[in-house]
Amino acid sequence: MRMKTYSIFLRDRTQAGGDPPRLLAYEIPDRRAAQALVSVIAASYQDHGFNPATRVHWFRHKDSVHEIYAWPQR
């Protein structure tokens, strides 16, 4: 039986081309650990937040707004 694992993705919301999300981490064995990492990474930037509707964290770096999230979310 294969254990469910989680990944962390980063997406630049200000790019016009709509590049696909970048994989930052994978094979995280625990959903809470993956979500905690996402939260800590976003909070490490001065301008950051959380969208409860999409359950996605975001942060601003220079002139770009990035979304960061764990997948799968549930």
Protein backbone atom coordinates (compact mmCIF):
# COMPACT_ATOMS: atom_id res chain seq x y z
CA MET A 1 0.00 0.00 0.00
CA ARG A 2 1.40 3.37 -1.01
CA MET A 3 1.41 6.19 1.53
CA LYS A 4 -0.14 9.51 0.49
CA THR A 5 2.42 12.31 0.24
CA TYR A 6 2.17 16.05 -0.31
CA SER A 7 4.03 18.55 -2.47
CA ILE A 8 4.53 22.30 -2.28
CA PHE A 9 4.05 24.47 -5.36
CA LEU A 10 4.83 28.12 -6.12
CA ARG A 11 3.11 30.20 -8.81
CA ASP A 12 3.97 33.76 -9.91
CA ARG A 13 0.61 35.52 -10.33
CA THR A 14 2.05 38.59 -12.10
CA GLN A 15 3.52 36.82 -15.14
CA ALA A 16 1.50 37.46 -18.27
CA GLY A 17 2.42 34.12 -19.83
CA GLY A 18 0.77 32.10 -17.10
CA ASP A 19 3.69 29.79 -16.45
CA PRO A 20 2.81 26.54 -14.68
CA PRO A 21 3.48 26.31 -10.92
CA ARG A 22 7.01 25.35 -9.86
CA LEU A 23 7.58 22.38 -7.60
CA LEU A 24 9.42 23.41 -4.42
CA ALA A 25 9.19 20.23 -2.33
CA TYR A 26 7.71 16.75 -2.65
CA GLU A 27 7.14 13.51 -0.76
CA ILE A 28 6.21 15.29 2.45
CA PRO A 29 4.51 12.50 4.41
CA ASP A 30 2.15 14.64 6.49
CA ARG A 31 -0.46 17.19 5.33
CA ARG A 32 -0.05 19.35 8.42
CA ALA A 33 3.71 19.47 7.96
CA ALA A 34 3.30 20.50 4.31
CA GLN A 35 0.80 23.23 5.23
CA ALA A 36 3.04 24.44 8.07
CA LEU A 37 5.99 24.75 5.67
CA VAL A 38 3.84 26.73 3.22
CA SER A 39 2.74 29.08 6.00
CA VAL A 40 6.29 29.62 7.29
CA ILE A 41 7.65 30.31 3.80
CA ALA A 42 4.91 32.87 3.06
CA ALA A 43 5.31 34.52 6.48
CA SER A 44 9.04 34.96 5.91
CA TYR A 45 8.13 37.85 3.57
CA GLN A 46 6.97 41.14 5.01
CA ASP A 47 3.96 41.44 2.69
CA HIS A 48 2.07 38.13 2.86
CA GLY A 49 -1.36 36.71 3.49
CA PHE A 50 -3.81 33.83 3.20
CA ASN A 51 -6.89 33.50 1.01
CA PRO A 52 -9.37 31.36 2.99
CA ALA A 53 -11.62 30.86 -0.06
CA THR A 54 -8.87 29.08 -2.01
CA ARG A 55 -6.75 28.00 1.00
CA VAL A 56 -3.70 29.47 -0.75
CA HIS A 57 -0.99 31.56 0.91
CA TRP A 58 0.57 34.45 -1.00
CA PHE A 59 3.53 36.80 -0.64
CA ARG A 60 4.99 39.75 -2.49
CA HIS A 61 8.64 39.67 -3.55
CA LYS A 62 9.95 42.73 -5.39
CA ASP A 63 7.30 43.46 -8.03
CA SER A 64 5.75 39.99 -8.11
CA VAL A 65 2.95 38.35 -6.16
CA HIS A 66 3.42 34.63 -5.60
CA GLU A 67 0.98 31.98 -4.47
CA ILE A 68 2.30 29.03 -2.49
CA TYR A 69 0.31 25.95 -1.57
CA ALA A 70 0.45 22.27 -0.60
CA TRP A 71 -1.07 19.69 -2.93
CA PRO A 72 -3.25 17.74 -2.63
CA GLN A 73 -5.03 20.09 -0.26
CA ARG A 74 -7.18 17.40 1.39
